[in-house]
Protein backbone atom coordinates (compact mmCIF):
# COMPACT_ATOMS: atom_id res chain seq x y z
CA MET A 1 154.04 54.88 93.55
CA THR A 2 155.61 51.57 92.79
CA GLY A 3 157.62 50.90 89.66
CA LYS A 4 154.73 48.96 88.15
CA THR A 5 152.33 51.85 88.76
CA ILE A 6 154.69 54.35 87.15
CA LYS A 7 155.07 51.96 84.21
CA ALA A 8 151.27 51.71 83.90
CA LEU A 9 150.98 55.51 84.01
CA LEU A 10 153.54 55.99 81.26
CA GLU A 11 152.19 53.20 79.05
CA ASN A 12 148.45 53.69 79.57
CA GLY A 13 147.81 57.17 80.94
CA ILE A 14 144.92 58.06 83.21
CA ASP A 15 141.18 57.73 83.21
CA THR A 16 140.27 61.43 83.35
CA LYS A 17 136.82 60.81 84.86
CA ARG A 18 138.06 58.62 87.71
CA LYS A 19 141.48 60.32 88.04
CA SER A 20 143.05 56.87 88.17
CA ILE A 21 145.94 55.22 86.37
CA ILE A 22 144.69 52.84 83.69
CA VAL A 23 145.59 49.16 84.23
CA SER A 24 147.53 49.80 87.42
CA GLU A 25 148.07 46.98 89.89
CA GLY A 26 148.30 49.43 92.79
CA PRO A 27 145.57 49.37 95.44
CA MET A 28 144.73 53.09 94.99
CA PRO A 29 146.24 54.28 91.70
CA LEU A 30 144.78 57.78 91.94
CA ILE A 31 146.21 61.05 90.69
CA GLU A 32 144.10 63.81 92.16
CA ASN A 33 146.22 66.98 92.31
CA ILE A 34 147.98 67.01 88.94
CA SER A 35 146.44 68.35 85.77
CA TYR A 36 145.93 66.12 82.74
CA GLU A 37 148.26 68.38 80.75
CA ASP A 38 151.05 67.98 83.30
CA ILE A 39 150.62 64.20 83.30
CA GLU A 40 150.80 64.09 79.51
CA ARG A 41 153.92 66.28 79.50
CA PHE A 42 155.51 63.88 82.01
CA ARG A 43 154.53 60.90 79.84
CA ASN A 44 156.13 62.53 76.80
CA GLN A 45 159.38 63.38 78.59
CA VAL A 46 160.05 60.09 80.38
CA LYS A 47 161.14 56.79 78.87
CA ILE A 48 160.73 53.52 80.74
CA VAL A 49 163.78 51.40 81.36
CA ASP A 50 162.29 48.39 83.09
CA MET A 51 164.91 47.06 85.49
CA ILE A 52 162.56 46.19 88.33
CA LYS A 53 164.10 42.74 88.95
CA ILE A 54 167.71 43.84 88.39
CA THR A 55 169.67 44.01 91.65
CA ASP A 56 173.25 43.93 90.37
CA LEU A 57 174.67 47.42 91.00
CA GLU A 58 177.18 47.16 88.16
CA ILE A 59 174.46 46.38 85.63
CA ILE A 60 172.36 49.30 86.90
CA GLN A 61 175.31 51.72 86.80
CA SER A 62 176.25 50.55 83.31
CA LYS A 63 172.69 51.13 82.08
CA ILE A 64 172.62 54.62 83.58
CA LYS A 65 175.91 55.54 81.92
CA SER A 66 174.68 54.18 78.60
CA LEU A 67 171.45 56.17 78.79
CA ILE A 68 173.30 59.39 79.66
CA LYS A 69 175.76 58.86 76.82
CA ASN A 70 173.03 58.15 74.26
CA ASN A 71 170.63 60.89 75.36
CA PRO A 72 172.52 63.86 76.83
CA LYS A 73 169.80 66.44 76.21
CA LYS A 74 167.92 67.99 79.10
CA THR A 75 164.22 68.77 79.22
CA GLU A 76 162.60 71.75 80.86
């Protein structure tokens, strides 16, 4: 999956009849072997930090450190 497809999954979910990611730009945005419940749990546990066009390693590392510092809890 590309970053944009993961973003579409998290923001829009899936079409349960077609087993496809809603509003995905990917050529075949299908999710066939994962239950709807597991997808929803994933969507509830993950937060998008859109840095797709960021290439500066220092900026990326700084963002990671900030996110860890501000949200140290772990999910199961």
